[in-house]
Amino acid sequence: MKTKKNSLVDLETFIDNQYGKTGTKTRENFEEGYEAFKLGVMLQEMRLQKNMTQEQLAEKCGTTKNYISRIENNASDIRLSTLMRIISKGFGAHLKLSVNF
């Protein structure tokens, strides 16, 4: 039995191989999921930097610990208005958006 030798590839090539080229439906789904994942990680890191529990953050911004947990674990979509409330009331910060073409 022959074994295939693994060769190293750059990240973009790996993603192309796993999820298809940019513009394909599979790739778009992957990228959307990845952005949601990054958002959850960012919120979790901000919360930990402020030494807050999920419960404390939820109380400050008028939601539940369960909802904060679902966002951090990429198990729930988040509305823009909710994200803005978490950033402003929960962290005392301002949300700044940008669009890249």
PDB file of N, CA and C in Angstrom:
ATOM      1  N   MET A   1       0.836  -1.171   0.000  1.00  0.00           N
ATOM      2  CA  MET A   1       0.000   0.000   0.000  1.00  0.00           C
ATOM      3  C   MET A   1       0.887   1.243   0.000  1.00  0.00           C
ATOM      4  N   LYS A   2       0.583   2.168  -0.901  1.00  0.00           N
ATOM      5  CA  LYS A   2       1.354   3.403  -0.984  1.00  0.00           C
ATOM      6  C   LYS A   2       0.781   4.431  -0.027  1.00  0.00           C
ATOM      7  N   THR A   3       1.655   5.196   0.578  1.00  0.00           N
ATOM      8  CA  THR A   3       1.208   6.297   1.419  1.00  0.00           C
ATOM      9  C   THR A   3       1.570   7.598   0.726  1.00  0.00           C
ATOM     10  N   LYS A   4       0.668   8.522   0.795  1.00  0.00           N
ATOM     11  CA  LYS A   4       0.890   9.829   0.188  1.00  0.00           C
ATOM     12  C   LYS A   4       1.678  10.692   1.152  1.00  0.00           C
ATOM     13  N   LYS A   5       2.723  11.287   0.645  1.00  0.00           N
ATOM     14  CA  LYS A   5       3.526  12.176   1.468  1.00  0.00           C
ATOM     15  C   LYS A   5       2.805  13.503   1.641  1.00  0.00           C
ATOM     16  N   ASN A   6       2.713  13.976   2.857  1.00  0.00           N
ATOM     17  CA  ASN A   6       2.099  15.279   3.107  1.00  0.00           C
ATOM     18  C   ASN A   6       3.085  16.371   2.744  1.00  0.00           C
ATOM     19  N   SER A   7       2.577  17.393   2.079  1.00  0.00           N
ATOM     20  CA  SER A   7       3.421  18.537   1.765  1.00  0.00           C
ATOM     21  C   SER A   7       2.776  19.782   2.342  1.00  0.00           C
ATOM     22  N   LEU A   8       3.605  20.690   2.759  1.00  0.00           N
ATOM     23  CA  LEU A   8       3.111  21.926   3.339  1.00  0.00           C
ATOM     24  C   LEU A   8       2.623  22.864   2.251  1.00  0.00           C
ATOM     25  N   VAL A   9       1.510  23.518   2.544  1.00  0.00           N
ATOM     26  CA  VAL A   9       0.979  24.533   1.631  1.00  0.00           C
ATOM     27  C   VAL A   9       0.652  25.761   2.461  1.00  0.00           C
ATOM     28  N   ASP A  10       0.560  26.908   1.789  1.00  0.00           N
ATOM     29  CA  ASP A  10       0.200  28.117   2.533  1.00  0.00           C
ATOM     30  C   ASP A  10      -1.280  28.064   2.892  1.00  0.00           C
ATOM     31  N   LEU A  11      -1.688  28.923   3.805  1.00  0.00           N
ATOM     32  CA  LEU A  11      -3.051  28.906   4.333  1.00  0.00           C
ATOM     33  C   LEU A  11      -4.086  29.111   3.234  1.00  0.00           C
ATOM     34  N   GLU A  12      -3.854  30.049   2.337  1.00  0.00           N
ATOM     35  CA  GLU A  12      -4.816  30.322   1.264  1.00  0.00           C
ATOM     36  C   GLU A  12      -5.018  29.089   0.384  1.00  0.00           C
ATOM     37  N   THR A  13      -3.940  28.383   0.058  1.00  0.00           N
ATOM     38  CA  THR A  13      -4.046  27.160  -0.748  1.00  0.00           C
ATOM     39  C   THR A  13      -4.808  26.087   0.014  1.00  0.00           C
ATOM     40  N   PHE A  14      -4.533  25.955   1.289  1.00  0.00           N
ATOM     41  CA  PHE A  14      -5.247  24.984   2.115  1.00  0.00           C
ATOM     42  C   PHE A  14      -6.747  25.276   2.115  1.00  0.00           C
ATOM     43  N   ILE A  15      -7.117  26.539   2.334  1.00  0.00           N
ATOM     44  CA  ILE A  15      -8.535  26.910   2.363  1.00  0.00           C
ATOM     45  C   ILE A  15      -9.168  26.685   0.987  1.00  0.00           C
ATOM     46  N   ASP A  16      -8.454  27.034  -0.077  1.00  0.00           N
ATOM     47  CA  ASP A  16      -8.956  26.766  -1.431  1.00  0.00           C
ATOM     48  C   ASP A  16      -9.230  25.279  -1.627  1.00  0.00           C
ATOM     49  N   ASN A  17      -8.312  24.448  -1.172  1.00  0.00           N
ATOM     50  CA  ASN A  17      -8.454  22.993  -1.329  1.00  0.00           C
ATOM     51  C   ASN A  17      -9.612  22.449  -0.495  1.00  0.00           C
ATOM     52  N   GLN A  18      -9.809  22.986   0.700  1.00  0.00           N
ATOM     53  CA  GLN A  18     -10.839  22.474   1.600  1.00  0.00           C
ATOM     54  C   GLN A  18     -12.228  23.023   1.286  1.00  0.00           C
ATOM     55  N   TYR A  19     -12.302  24.312   0.906  1.00  0.00           N
ATOM     56  CA  TYR A  19     -13.598  24.988   0.802  1.00  0.00           C
ATOM     57  C   TYR A  19     -13.888  25.575  -0.566  1.00  0.00           C
ATOM     58  N   GLY A  20     -12.984  25.417  -1.498  1.00  0.00           N
ATOM     59  CA  GLY A  20     -13.195  25.948  -2.842  1.00  0.00           C
ATOM     60  C   GLY A  20     -12.629  27.346  -2.995  1.00  0.00           C
ATOM     61  N   LYS A  21     -12.601  27.785  -4.211  1.00  0.00           N
ATOM     62  CA  LYS A  21     -12.066  29.112  -4.521  1.00  0.00           C
ATOM     63  C   LYS A  21     -13.014  30.205  -4.044  1.00  0.00           C
ATOM     64  N   THR A  22     -12.478  31.395  -3.859  1.00  0.00           N
ATOM     65  CA  THR A  22     -13.275  32.550  -3.479  1.00  0.00           C
ATOM     66  C   THR A  22     -14.399  32.746  -4.492  1.00  0.00           C
ATOM     67  N   GLY A  23     -15.612  32.978  -3.973  1.00  0.00           N
ATOM     68  CA  GLY A  23     -16.763  33.174  -4.835  1.00  0.00           C
ATOM     69  C   GLY A  23     -17.669  31.959  -4.943  1.00  0.00           C
ATOM     70  N   THR A  24     -17.161  30.787  -4.541  1.00  0.00           N
ATOM     71  CA  THR A  24     -18.018  29.600  -4.567  1.00  0.00           C
ATOM     72  C   THR A  24     -18.891  29.588  -3.316  1.00  0.00           C
ATOM     73  N   LYS A  25     -20.026  28.925  -3.390  1.00  0.00           N
ATOM     74  CA  LYS A  25     -20.974  28.885  -2.275  1.00  0.00           C
ATOM     75  C   LYS A  25     -20.331  28.269  -1.023  1.00  0.00           C
ATOM     76  N   THR A  26     -19.604  27.180  -1.207  1.00  0.00           N
ATOM     77  CA  THR A  26     -18.969  26.530  -0.061  1.00  0.00           C
ATOM     78  C   THR A  26     -17.974  27.464   0.611  1.00  0.00           C
ATOM     79  N   ARG A  27     -17.204  28.178  -0.179  1.00  0.00           N
ATOM     80  CA  ARG A  27     -16.222  29.116   0.367  1.00  0.00           C
ATOM     81  C   ARG A  27     -16.919  30.273   1.079  1.00  0.00           C
ATOM     82  N   GLU A  28     -18.000  30.798   0.492  1.00  0.00           N
ATOM     83  CA  GLU A  28     -18.741  31.886   1.130  1.00  0.00           C
ATOM     84  C   GLU A  28     -19.300  31.445   2.476  1.00  0.00           C
ATOM     85  N   ASN A  29     -19.843  30.236   2.540  1.00  0.00           N
ATOM     86  CA  ASN A  29     -20.355  29.706   3.816  1.00  0.00           C
ATOM     87  C   ASN A  29     -19.244  29.599   4.851  1.00  0.00           C
ATOM     88  N   PHE A  30     -18.085  29.109   4.423  1.00  0.00           N
ATOM     89  CA  PHE A  30     -16.939  29.001   5.327  1.00  0.00           C
ATOM     90  C   PHE A  30     -16.539  30.379   5.852  1.00  0.00           C
ATOM     91  N   GLU A  31     -16.435  31.353   4.965  1.00  0.00           N
ATOM     92  CA  GLU A  31     -15.989  32.687   5.365  1.00  0.00           C
ATOM     93  C   GLU A  31     -16.992  33.373   6.289  1.00  0.00           C
ATOM     94  N   GLU A  32     -18.286  33.192   6.039  1.00  0.00           N
ATOM     95  CA  GLU A  32     -19.304  33.757   6.929  1.00  0.00           C
ATOM     96  C   GLU A  32     -19.203  33.130   8.319  1.00  0.00           C
ATOM     97  N   GLY A  33     -19.035  31.827   8.365  1.00  0.00           N
ATOM     98  CA  GLY A  33     -18.896  31.137   9.644  1.00  0.00           C
ATOM     99  C   GLY A  33     -17.645  31.573  10.385  1.00  0.00           C
ATOM    100  N   TYR A  34     -16.581  31.784   9.638  1.00  0.00           N
ATOM    101  CA  TYR A  34     -15.327  32.208  10.243  1.00  0.00           C
ATOM    102  C   TYR A  34     -15.453  33.601  10.844  1.00  0.00           C
ATOM    103  N   GLU A  35     -16.148  34.498  10.161  1.00  0.00           N
ATOM    104  CA  GLU A  35     -16.344  35.849  10.683  1.00  0.00           C
ATOM    105  C   GLU A  35     -17.166  35.819  11.969  1.00  0.00           C
ATOM    106  N   ALA A  36     -18.195  34.980  12.009  1.00  0.00           N
ATOM    107  CA  ALA A  36     -18.999  34.846  13.226  1.00  0.00           C
ATOM    108  C   ALA A  36     -18.154  34.285  14.360  1.00  0.00           C
ATOM    109  N   PHE A  37     -17.292  33.312  14.049  1.00  0.00           N
ATOM    110  CA  PHE A  37     -16.394  32.737  15.042  1.00  0.00           C
ATOM    111  C   PHE A  37     -15.460  33.808  15.601  1.00  0.00           C
ATOM    112  N   LYS A  38     -14.879  34.623  14.721  1.00  0.00           N
ATOM    113  CA  LYS A  38     -13.960  35.680  15.164  1.00  0.00           C
ATOM    114  C   LYS A  38     -14.668  36.678  16.076  1.00  0.00           C
ATOM    115  N   LEU A  39     -15.902  37.010  15.735  1.00  0.00           N
ATOM    116  CA  LEU A  39     -16.670  37.942  16.562  1.00  0.00           C
ATOM    117  C   LEU A  39     -16.864  37.382  17.963  1.00  0.00           C
ATOM    118  N   GLY A  40     -17.218  36.118  18.065  1.00  0.00           N
ATOM    119  CA  GLY A  40     -17.403  35.486  19.368  1.00  0.00           C
ATOM    120  C   GLY A  40     -16.126  35.488  20.184  1.00  0.00           C
ATOM    121  N   VAL A  41     -15.012  35.177  19.539  1.00  0.00           N
ATOM    122  CA  VAL A  41     -13.710  35.173  20.224  1.00  0.00           C
ATOM    123  C   VAL A  41     -13.348  36.580  20.675  1.00  0.00           C
ATOM    124  N   MET A  42     -13.599  37.572  19.825  1.00  0.00           N
ATOM    125  CA  MET A  42     -13.297  38.958  20.173  1.00  0.00           C
ATOM    126  C   MET A  42     -14.093  39.390  21.409  1.00  0.00           C
ATOM    127  N   LEU A  43     -15.388  39.084  21.422  1.00  0.00           N
ATOM    128  CA  LEU A  43     -16.214  39.458  22.577  1.00  0.00           C
ATOM    129  C   LEU A  43     -15.740  38.748  23.840  1.00  0.00           C
ATOM    130  N   GLN A  44     -15.394  37.486  23.711  1.00  0.00           N
ATOM    131  CA  GLN A  44     -14.901  36.751  24.878  1.00  0.00           C
ATOM    132  C   GLN A  44     -13.596  37.356  25.399  1.00  0.00           C
ATOM    133  N   GLU A  45     -12.685  37.697  24.502  1.00  0.00           N
ATOM    134  CA  GLU A  45     -11.418  38.308  24.919  1.00  0.00           C
ATOM    135  C   GLU A  45     -11.646  39.651  25.599  1.00  0.00           C
ATOM    136  N   MET A  46     -12.563  40.456  25.060  1.00  0.00           N
ATOM    137  CA  MET A  46     -12.870  41.741  25.683  1.00  0.00           C
ATOM    138  C   MET A  46     -13.446  41.536  27.078  1.00  0.00           C
ATOM    139  N   ARG A  47     -14.345  40.568  27.197  1.00  0.00           N
ATOM    140  CA  ARG A  47     -14.965  40.292  28.499  1.00  0.00           C
ATOM    141  C   ARG A  47     -13.907  39.857  29.514  1.00  0.00           C
ATOM    142  N   LEU A  48     -13.001  38.986  29.094  1.00  0.00           N
ATOM    143  CA  LEU A  48     -11.960  38.508  30.006  1.00  0.00           C
ATOM    144  C   LEU A  48     -10.985  39.623  30.377  1.00  0.00           C
ATOM    145  N   GLN A  49     -10.677  40.507  29.437  1.00  0.00           N
ATOM    146  CA  GLN A  49      -9.801  41.649  29.735  1.00  0.00           C
ATOM    147  C   GLN A  49     -10.426  42.567  30.778  1.00  0.00           C
ATOM    148  N   LYS A  50     -11.747  42.649  30.774  1.00  0.00           N
ATOM    149  CA  LYS A  50     -12.463  43.466  31.754  1.00  0.00           C
ATOM    150  C   LYS A  50     -12.735  42.690  33.049  1.00  0.00           C
ATOM    151  N   ASN A  51     -12.230  41.463  33.121  1.00  0.00           N
ATOM    152  CA  ASN A  51     -12.436  40.590  34.287  1.00  0.00           C
ATOM    153  C   ASN A  51     -13.915  40.429  34.624  1.00  0.00           C
ATOM    154  N   MET A  52     -14.706  40.207  33.588  1.00  0.00           N
ATOM    155  CA  MET A  52     -16.148  40.049  33.764  1.00  0.00           C
ATOM    156  C   MET A  52     -16.546  38.602  33.492  1.00  0.00           C
ATOM    157  N   THR A  53     -17.558  38.151  34.192  1.00  0.00           N
ATOM    158  CA  THR A  53     -18.154  36.855  33.874  1.00  0.00           C
ATOM    159  C   THR A  53     -19.196  37.071  32.776  1.00  0.00           C
ATOM    160  N   GLN A  54     -19.634  35.989  32.179  1.00  0.00           N
ATOM    161  CA  GLN A  54     -20.708  36.097  31.192  1.00  0.00           C
ATOM    162  C   GLN A  54     -21.962  36.664  31.845  1.00  0.00           C
ATOM    163  N   GLU A  55     -22.210  36.262  33.065  1.00  0.00           N
ATOM    164  CA  GLU A  55     -23.390  36.749  33.788  1.00  0.00           C
ATOM    165  C   GLU A  55     -23.314  38.258  34.028  1.00  0.00           C
ATOM    166  N   GLN A  56     -22.143  38.751  34.415  1.00  0.00           N
ATOM    167  CA  GLN A  56     -21.983  40.184  34.645  1.00  0.00           C
ATOM    168  C   GLN A  56     -22.178  40.975  33.357  1.00  0.00           C
ATOM    169  N   LEU A  57     -21.609  40.481  32.258  1.00  0.00           N
ATOM    170  CA  LEU A  57     -21.773  41.158  30.975  1.00  0.00           C
ATOM    171  C   LEU A  57     -23.240  41.162  30.559  1.00  0.00           C
ATOM    172  N   ALA A  58     -23.888  40.034  30.694  1.00  0.00           N
ATOM    173  CA  ALA A  58     -25.303  39.927  30.318  1.00  0.00           C
ATOM    174  C   ALA A  58     -26.156  40.912  31.116  1.00  0.00           C
ATOM    175  N   GLU A  59     -25.883  41.016  32.405  1.00  0.00           N
ATOM    176  CA  GLU A  59     -26.660  41.926  33.258  1.00  0.00           C
ATOM    177  C   GLU A  59     -26.468  43.379  32.824  1.00  0.00           C
ATOM    178  N   LYS A  60     -25.226  43.749  32.486  1.00  0.00           N
ATOM    179  CA  LYS A  60     -24.941  45.128  32.083  1.00  0.00           C
ATOM    180  C   LYS A  60     -25.633  45.520  30.783  1.00  0.00           C
ATOM    181  N   CYS A  61     -25.806  44.551  29.884  1.00  0.00           N
ATOM    182  CA  CYS A  61     -26.368  44.915  28.575  1.00  0.00           C
ATOM    183  C   CYS A  61     -27.775  44.366  28.360  1.00  0.00           C
ATOM    184  N   GLY A  62     -28.389  43.843  29.395  1.00  0.00           N
ATOM    185  CA  GLY A  62     -29.794  43.467  29.322  1.00  0.00           C
ATOM    186  C   GLY A  62     -30.100  42.210  28.543  1.00  0.00           C
ATOM    187  N   THR A  63     -29.236  41.229  28.657  1.00  0.00           N
ATOM    188  CA  THR A  63     -29.494  39.945  28.007  1.00  0.00           C
ATOM    189  C   THR A  63     -29.209  38.827  29.014  1.00  0.00           C
ATOM    190  N   THR A  64     -29.099  37.606  28.541  1.00  0.00           N
ATOM    191  CA  THR A  64     -28.884  36.486  29.459  1.00  0.00           C
ATOM    192  C   THR A  64     -27.473  35.923  29.321  1.00  0.00           C
ATOM    193  N   LYS A  65     -27.026  35.260  30.369  1.00  0.00           N
ATOM    194  CA  LYS A  65     -25.733  34.581  30.346  1.00  0.00           C
ATOM    195  C   LYS A  65     -25.716  33.554  29.222  1.00  0.00           C
ATOM    196  N   ASN A  66     -26.819  32.851  29.042  1.00  0.00           N
ATOM    197  CA  ASN A  66     -26.906  31.831  28.006  1.00  0.00           C
ATOM    198  C   ASN A  66     -26.680  32.440  26.616  1.00  0.00           C
ATOM    199  N   TYR A  67     -27.266  33.611  26.374  1.00  0.00           N
ATOM    200  CA  TYR A  67     -27.104  34.260  25.075  1.00  0.00           C
ATOM    201  C   TYR A  67     -25.652  34.686  24.859  1.00  0.00           C
ATOM    202  N   ILE A  68     -25.018  35.249  25.881  1.00  0.00           N
ATOM    203  CA  ILE A  68     -23.603  35.638  25.777  1.00  0.00           C
ATOM    204  C   ILE A  68     -22.761  34.397  25.476  1.00  0.00           C
ATOM    205  N   SER A  69     -23.030  33.309  26.160  1.00  0.00           N
ATOM    206  CA  SER A  69     -22.305  32.063  25.935  1.00  0.00           C
ATOM    207  C   SER A  69     -22.485  31.571  24.506  1.00  0.00           C
ATOM    208  N   ARG A  70     -23.706  31.633  23.999  1.00  0.00           N
ATOM    209  CA  ARG A  70     -23.968  31.171  22.627  1.00  0.00           C
ATOM    210  C   ARG A  70     -23.229  32.027  21.611  1.00  0.00           C
ATOM    211  N   ILE A  71     -23.151  33.324  21.845  1.00  0.00           N
ATOM    212  CA  ILE A  71     -22.412  34.205  20.933  1.00  0.00           C
ATOM    213  C   ILE A  71     -20.923  33.854  20.985  1.00  0.00           C
ATOM    214  N   GLU A  72     -20.378  33.730  22.179  1.00  0.00           N
ATOM    215  CA  GLU A  72     -18.956  33.426  22.327  1.00  0.00           C
ATOM    216  C   GLU A  72     -18.588  32.078  21.736  1.00  0.00           C
ATOM    217  N   ASN A  73     -19.514  31.156  21.734  1.00  0.00           N
ATOM    218  CA  ASN A  73     -19.242  29.808  21.219  1.00  0.00           C
ATOM    219  C   ASN A  73     -19.764  29.602  19.804  1.00  0.00           C
ATOM    220  N   ASN A  74     -20.070  30.706  19.122  1.00  0.00           N
ATOM    221  CA  ASN A  74     -20.493  30.674  17.734  1.00  0.00           C
ATOM    222  C   ASN A  74     -21.728  29.793  17.511  1.00  0.00           C
ATOM    223  N   ALA A  75     -22.623  29.789  18.480  1.00  0.00           N
ATOM    224  CA  ALA A  75     -23.827  28.967  18.375  1.00  0.00           C
ATOM    225  C   ALA A  75     -25.071  29.816  18.125  1.00  0.00           C
ATOM    226  N   SER A  76     -24.885  31.108  17.958  1.00  0.00           N
ATOM    227  CA  SER A  76     -26.036  31.983  17.761  1.00  0.00           C
ATOM    228  C   SER A  76     -25.648  33.163  16.890  1.00  0.00           C
ATOM    229  N   ASP A  77     -26.517  33.511  15.958  1.00  0.00           N
ATOM    230  CA  ASP A  77     -26.318  34.733  15.185  1.00  0.00           C
ATOM    231  C   ASP A  77     -26.609  35.920  16.096  1.00  0.00           C
ATOM    232  N   ILE A  78     -25.974  37.022  15.822  1.00  0.00           N
ATOM    233  CA  ILE A  78     -26.174  38.202  16.651  1.00  0.00           C
ATOM    234  C   ILE A  78     -26.643  39.357  15.773  1.00  0.00           C
ATOM    235  N   ARG A  79     -27.649  40.050  16.244  1.00  0.00           N
ATOM    236  CA  ARG A  79     -28.149  41.225  15.528  1.00  0.00           C
ATOM    237  C   ARG A  79     -27.190  42.389  15.770  1.00  0.00           C
ATOM    238  N   LEU A  80     -27.118  43.276  14.790  1.00  0.00           N
ATOM    239  CA  LEU A  80     -26.247  44.435  14.908  1.00  0.00           C
ATOM    240  C   LEU A  80     -26.630  45.288  16.111  1.00  0.00           C
ATOM    241  N   SER A  81     -27.913  45.473  16.339  1.00  0.00           N
ATOM    242  CA  SER A  81     -28.343  46.293  17.479  1.00  0.00           C
ATOM    243  C   SER A  81     -27.916  45.665  18.803  1.00  0.00           C
ATOM    244  N   THR A  82     -27.937  44.338  18.877  1.00  0.00           N
ATOM    245  CA  THR A  82     -27.501  43.643  20.098  1.00  0.00           C
ATOM    246  C   THR A  82     -25.996  43.779  20.268  1.00  0.00           C
ATOM    247  N   LEU A  83     -25.254  43.638  19.182  1.00  0.00           N
ATOM    248  CA  LEU A  83     -23.803  43.796  19.244  1.00  0.00           C
ATOM    249  C   LEU A  83     -23.443  45.206  19.708  1.00  0.00           C
ATOM    250  N   MET A  84     -24.132  46.195  19.170  1.00  0.00           N
ATOM    251  CA  MET A  84     -23.873  47.578  19.575  1.00  0.00           C
ATOM    252  C   MET A  84     -24.168  47.772  21.067  1.00  0.00           C
ATOM    253  N   ARG A  85     -25.239  47.165  21.558  1.00  0.00           N
ATOM    254  CA  ARG A  85     -25.591  47.289  22.974  1.00  0.00           C
ATOM    255  C   ARG A  85     -24.546  46.597  23.859  1.00  0.00           C
ATOM    256  N   ILE A  86     -24.064  45.441  23.449  1.00  0.00           N
ATOM    257  CA  ILE A  86     -23.040  44.737  24.227  1.00  0.00           C
ATOM    258  C   ILE A  86     -21.769  45.578  24.296  1.00  0.00           C
ATOM    259  N   ILE A  87     -21.373  46.126  23.158  1.00  0.00           N
ATOM    260  CA  ILE A  87     -20.144  46.935  23.120  1.00  0.00           C
ATOM    261  C   ILE A  87     -20.301  48.202  23.955  1.00  0.00           C
ATOM    262  N   SER A  88     -21.420  48.905  23.789  1.00  0.00           N
ATOM    263  CA  SER A  88     -21.568  50.189  24.483  1.00  0.00           C
ATOM    264  C   SER A  88     -21.922  50.019  25.955  1.00  0.00           C
ATOM    265  N   LYS A  89     -22.960  49.260  26.268  1.00  0.00           N
ATOM    266  CA  LYS A  89     -23.377  49.120  27.667  1.00  0.00           C
ATOM    267  C   LYS A  89     -22.525  48.122  28.434  1.00  0.00           C
ATOM    268  N   GLY A  90     -22.136  47.046  27.774  1.00  0.00           N
ATOM    269  CA  GLY A  90     -21.365  46.020  28.453  1.00  0.00           C
ATOM    270  C   GLY A  90     -19.915  46.391  28.664  1.00  0.00           C
ATOM    271  N   PHE A  91     -19.317  47.035  27.643  1.00  0.00           N
ATOM    272  CA  PHE A  91     -17.891  47.346  27.711  1.00  0.00           C
ATOM    273  C   PHE A  91     -17.587  48.834  27.780  1.00  0.00           C
ATOM    274  N   GLY A  92     -18.591  49.687  27.591  1.00  0.00           N
ATOM    275  CA  GLY A  92     -18.345  51.125  27.614  1.00  0.00           C
ATOM    276  C   GLY A  92     -17.481  51.576  26.439  1.00  0.00           C
ATOM    277  N   ALA A  93     -17.658  50.911  25.308  1.00  0.00           N
ATOM    278  CA  ALA A  93     -16.841  51.221  24.123  1.00  0.00           C
ATOM    279  C   ALA A  93     -17.757  51.589  22.955  1.00  0.00           C
ATOM    280  N   HIS A  94     -17.138  51.891  21.818  1.00  0.00           N
ATOM    281  CA  HIS A  94     -17.899  52.234  20.616  1.00  0.00           C
ATOM    282  C   HIS A  94     -17.570  51.223  19.521  1.00  0.00           C
ATOM    283  N   LEU A  95     -18.573  50.815  18.789  1.00  0.00           N
ATOM    284  CA  LEU A  95     -18.412  49.889  17.690  1.00  0.00           C
ATOM    285  C   LEU A  95     -18.082  50.670  16.427  1.00  0.00           C
ATOM    286  N   LYS A  96     -17.044  50.244  15.728  1.00  0.00           N
ATOM    287  CA  LYS A  96     -16.632  50.886  14.485  1.00  0.00           C
ATOM    288  C   LYS A  96     -16.617  49.797  13.416  1.00  0.00           C
ATOM    289  N   LEU A  97     -17.363  50.020  12.340  1.00  0.00           N
ATOM    290  CA  LEU A  97     -17.454  49.051  11.259  1.00  0.00           C
ATOM    291  C   LEU A  97     -16.708  49.534  10.038  1.00  0.00           C
ATOM    292  N   SER A  98     -16.210  48.598   9.242  1.00  0.00           N
ATOM    293  CA  SER A  98     -15.631  48.934   7.952  1.00  0.00           C
ATOM    294  C   SER A  98     -16.048  47.866   6.951  1.00  0.00           C
ATOM    295  N   VAL A  99     -16.059  48.251   5.701  1.00  0.00           N
ATOM    296  CA  VAL A  99     -16.415  47.333   4.627  1.00  0.00           C
ATOM    297  C   VAL A  99     -15.240  47.292   3.663  1.00  0.00           C
ATOM    298  N   ASN A 100     -14.816  46.081   3.336  1.00  0.00           N
ATOM    299  CA  ASN A 100     -13.717  45.911   2.382  1.00  0.00           C
ATOM    300  C   ASN A 100     -14.250  45.312   1.086  1.00  0.00           C
ATOM    301  N   PHE A 101     -13.868  45.890  -0.029  1.00  0.00           N
ATOM    302  CA  PHE A 101     -14.262  45.362  -1.337  1.00  0.00           C
ATOM    303  C   PHE A 101     -13.122  44.625  -1.969  1.00  0.00           C
TER     304      PHE A 101
END
